[in-house]
Amino acid sequence: MAPVSLSVSTVKPLGDRIFVKVSESEERTAGGILLPDNAREKPQVGEVTAVGPGKLTEDGKRQPMDVKVGDKVLYSKYAGTEVKLAGEDYVLLSEKDILAIVG
């Protein structure tokens, strides 16, 4: 079987799934102390890079998504599936795991 080359442009979420590029975690505390990698908190903010078509309702219609590509979102801490593409961290979330759009 030939190896598959994945990039952000080739990933298309299905249903009510959202593909989010994870923001970098803070390297320093508010007081200026440098944090090692294992002490950093897992980031919960990211930018939406791809959005699925929406959830199918019981009557067969698509429910429109509340987020769009380019939105900065706050998501649940342990939600979704982590994916690494081209050295960048992404997370594939369900729409219900999005807590807020960050303005």
C-alpha atoms as a PDB file:
ATOM      1  CA  MET A   1       0.000   0.000   0.000  1.00  0.00           C
ATOM      2  CA  ALA A   2       1.353   3.432  -0.963  1.00  0.00           C
ATOM      3  CA  PRO A   3       1.947   5.973   1.821  1.00  0.00           C
ATOM      4  CA  VAL A   4      -0.732   8.637   2.161  1.00  0.00           C
ATOM      5  CA  SER A   5       0.363  12.266   2.275  1.00  0.00           C
ATOM      6  CA  LEU A   6      -1.903  14.350   4.491  1.00  0.00           C
ATOM      7  CA  SER A   7      -2.006  18.113   4.709  1.00  0.00           C
ATOM      8  CA  VAL A   8      -4.456  20.552   6.211  1.00  0.00           C
ATOM      9  CA  SER A   9      -5.967  21.252   2.799  1.00  0.00           C
ATOM     10  CA  THR A  10      -6.704  17.539   2.223  1.00  0.00           C
ATOM     11  CA  VAL A  11      -8.494  17.000   5.554  1.00  0.00           C
ATOM     12  CA  LYS A  12     -12.287  17.458   5.339  1.00  0.00           C
ATOM     13  CA  PRO A  13     -14.202  16.853   8.598  1.00  0.00           C
ATOM     14  CA  LEU A  14     -17.448  14.890   8.394  1.00  0.00           C
ATOM     15  CA  GLY A  15     -20.798  15.703  10.030  1.00  0.00           C
ATOM     16  CA  ASP A  16     -20.503  18.149  12.923  1.00  0.00           C
ATOM     17  CA  ARG A  17     -16.716  17.815  13.264  1.00  0.00           C
ATOM     18  CA  ILE A  18     -14.312  20.760  13.346  1.00  0.00           C
ATOM     19  CA  PHE A  19     -10.560  20.739  12.610  1.00  0.00           C
ATOM     20  CA  VAL A  20      -8.701  23.212  14.869  1.00  0.00           C
ATOM     21  CA  LYS A  21      -5.055  24.338  14.812  1.00  0.00           C
ATOM     22  CA  VAL A  22      -3.888  24.392  18.428  1.00  0.00           C
ATOM     23  CA  SER A  23      -2.380  27.640  19.747  1.00  0.00           C
ATOM     24  CA  GLU A  24       1.041  27.512  21.356  1.00  0.00           C
ATOM     25  CA  SER A  25       1.083  27.036  25.127  1.00  0.00           C
ATOM     26  CA  GLU A  26       2.571  29.715  27.347  1.00  0.00           C
ATOM     27  CA  GLU A  27       6.306  29.342  27.980  1.00  0.00           C
ATOM     28  CA  ARG A  28       6.406  31.720  30.946  1.00  0.00           C
ATOM     29  CA  THR A  29       4.195  32.386  33.937  1.00  0.00           C
ATOM     30  CA  ALA A  30       2.740  35.834  34.665  1.00  0.00           C
ATOM     31  CA  GLY A  31       5.689  36.387  37.031  1.00  0.00           C
ATOM     32  CA  GLY A  32       8.207  35.613  34.259  1.00  0.00           C
ATOM     33  CA  ILE A  33       9.244  32.103  35.340  1.00  0.00           C
ATOM     34  CA  LEU A  34      10.226  29.881  32.392  1.00  0.00           C
ATOM     35  CA  LEU A  35       8.182  26.649  32.299  1.00  0.00           C
ATOM     36  CA  PRO A  36       9.609  23.321  31.087  1.00  0.00           C
ATOM     37  CA  ASP A  37       7.600  21.363  28.475  1.00  0.00           C
ATOM     38  CA  ASN A  38       6.190  18.864  30.986  1.00  0.00           C
ATOM     39  CA  ALA A  39       4.860  21.631  33.286  1.00  0.00           C
ATOM     40  CA  ARG A  40       2.959  23.540  30.601  1.00  0.00           C
ATOM     41  CA  GLU A  41      -0.813  23.382  30.521  1.00  0.00           C
ATOM     42  CA  LYS A  42      -2.486  21.851  27.501  1.00  0.00           C
ATOM     43  CA  PRO A  43      -3.836  24.748  25.404  1.00  0.00           C
ATOM     44  CA  GLN A  44      -7.603  25.088  25.015  1.00  0.00           C
ATOM     45  CA  VAL A  45      -7.640  27.788  22.336  1.00  0.00           C
ATOM     46  CA  GLY A  46      -7.170  27.324  18.619  1.00  0.00           C
ATOM     47  CA  GLU A  47      -8.110  28.531  15.146  1.00  0.00           C
ATOM     48  CA  VAL A  48     -10.687  26.686  13.061  1.00  0.00           C
ATOM     49  CA  THR A  49      -9.055  25.443   9.825  1.00  0.00           C
ATOM     50  CA  ALA A  50     -11.858  23.221   8.441  1.00  0.00           C
ATOM     51  CA  VAL A  51     -15.535  22.642   9.230  1.00  0.00           C
ATOM     52  CA  GLY A  52     -17.789  19.721   8.358  1.00  0.00           C
ATOM     53  CA  PRO A  53     -21.162  20.172   6.603  1.00  0.00           C
ATOM     54  CA  GLY A  54     -23.144  19.991   9.852  1.00  0.00           C
ATOM     55  CA  LYS A  55     -25.125  17.440  11.819  1.00  0.00           C
ATOM     56  CA  LEU A  56     -27.956  15.554  10.131  1.00  0.00           C
ATOM     57  CA  THR A  57     -31.267  16.072  11.916  1.00  0.00           C
ATOM     58  CA  GLU A  58     -33.896  13.345  12.252  1.00  0.00           C
ATOM     59  CA  ASP A  59     -35.797  14.690   9.240  1.00  0.00           C
ATOM     60  CA  GLY A  60     -32.672  14.427   7.019  1.00  0.00           C
ATOM     61  CA  LYS A  61     -31.749  18.142   6.894  1.00  0.00           C
ATOM     62  CA  ARG A  62     -28.348  19.571   7.789  1.00  0.00           C
ATOM     63  CA  GLN A  63     -28.110  21.724  10.891  1.00  0.00           C
ATOM     64  CA  PRO A  64     -25.790  24.657  10.074  1.00  0.00           C
ATOM     65  CA  MET A  65     -22.548  24.971  12.030  1.00  0.00           C
ATOM     66  CA  ASP A  66     -22.105  27.835  14.519  1.00  0.00           C
ATOM     67  CA  VAL A  67     -18.393  28.266  13.712  1.00  0.00           C
ATOM     68  CA  LYS A  68     -16.602  28.976  10.453  1.00  0.00           C
ATOM     69  CA  VAL A  69     -13.042  28.739   9.165  1.00  0.00           C
ATOM     70  CA  GLY A  70     -10.851  31.431  10.747  1.00  0.00           C
ATOM     71  CA  ASP A  71     -12.745  31.651  14.061  1.00  0.00           C
ATOM     72  CA  LYS A  72     -10.679  31.452  17.268  1.00  0.00           C
ATOM     73  CA  VAL A  73     -12.389  29.029  19.624  1.00  0.00           C
ATOM     74  CA  LEU A  74     -12.150  27.856  23.220  1.00  0.00           C
ATOM     75  CA  TYR A  75     -12.701  24.100  23.534  1.00  0.00           C
ATOM     76  CA  SER A  76     -12.961  21.509  26.314  1.00  0.00           C
ATOM     77  CA  LYS A  77      -9.623  20.513  27.826  1.00  0.00           C
ATOM     78  CA  TYR A  78      -9.674  16.769  27.071  1.00  0.00           C
ATOM     79  CA  ALA A  79     -11.970  16.808  24.037  1.00  0.00           C
ATOM     80  CA  GLY A  80     -11.298  15.583  20.530  1.00  0.00           C
ATOM     81  CA  THR A  81      -8.559  13.661  18.809  1.00  0.00           C
ATOM     82  CA  GLU A  82      -5.069  15.127  18.581  1.00  0.00           C
ATOM     83  CA  VAL A  83      -3.421  15.052  15.141  1.00  0.00           C
ATOM     84  CA  LYS A  84       0.050  16.190  14.036  1.00  0.00           C
ATOM     85  CA  LEU A  85       0.387  17.336  10.393  1.00  0.00           C
ATOM     86  CA  ALA A  86       3.552  18.883   8.953  1.00  0.00           C
ATOM     87  CA  GLY A  87       4.938  19.482  12.447  1.00  0.00           C
ATOM     88  CA  GLU A  88       1.852  21.430  13.575  1.00  0.00           C
ATOM     89  CA  ASP A  89      -0.590  20.312  16.286  1.00  0.00           C
ATOM     90  CA  TYR A  90      -4.289  20.031  15.426  1.00  0.00           C
ATOM     91  CA  VAL A  91      -7.341  18.648  17.184  1.00  0.00           C
ATOM     92  CA  LEU A  92     -10.457  17.175  15.578  1.00  0.00           C
ATOM     93  CA  LEU A  93     -13.484  18.129  17.689  1.00  0.00           C
ATOM     94  CA  SER A  94     -17.217  17.649  17.665  1.00  0.00           C
ATOM     95  CA  GLU A  95     -19.195  20.904  17.597  1.00  0.00           C
ATOM     96  CA  LYS A  96     -20.516  20.193  21.107  1.00  0.00           C
ATOM     97  CA  ASP A  97     -16.916  20.365  22.443  1.00  0.00           C
ATOM     98  CA  ILE A  98     -16.592  24.031  21.406  1.00  0.00           C
ATOM     99  CA  LEU A  99     -17.278  26.199  24.451  1.00  0.00           C
ATOM    100  CA  ALA A 100     -16.993  29.685  22.938  1.00  0.00           C
ATOM    101  CA  ILE A 101     -15.818  31.777  20.014  1.00  0.00           C
ATOM    102  CA  VAL A 102     -13.033  34.079  21.201  1.00  0.00           C
ATOM    103  CA  GLY A 103     -13.380  37.641  19.880  1.00  0.00           C
END
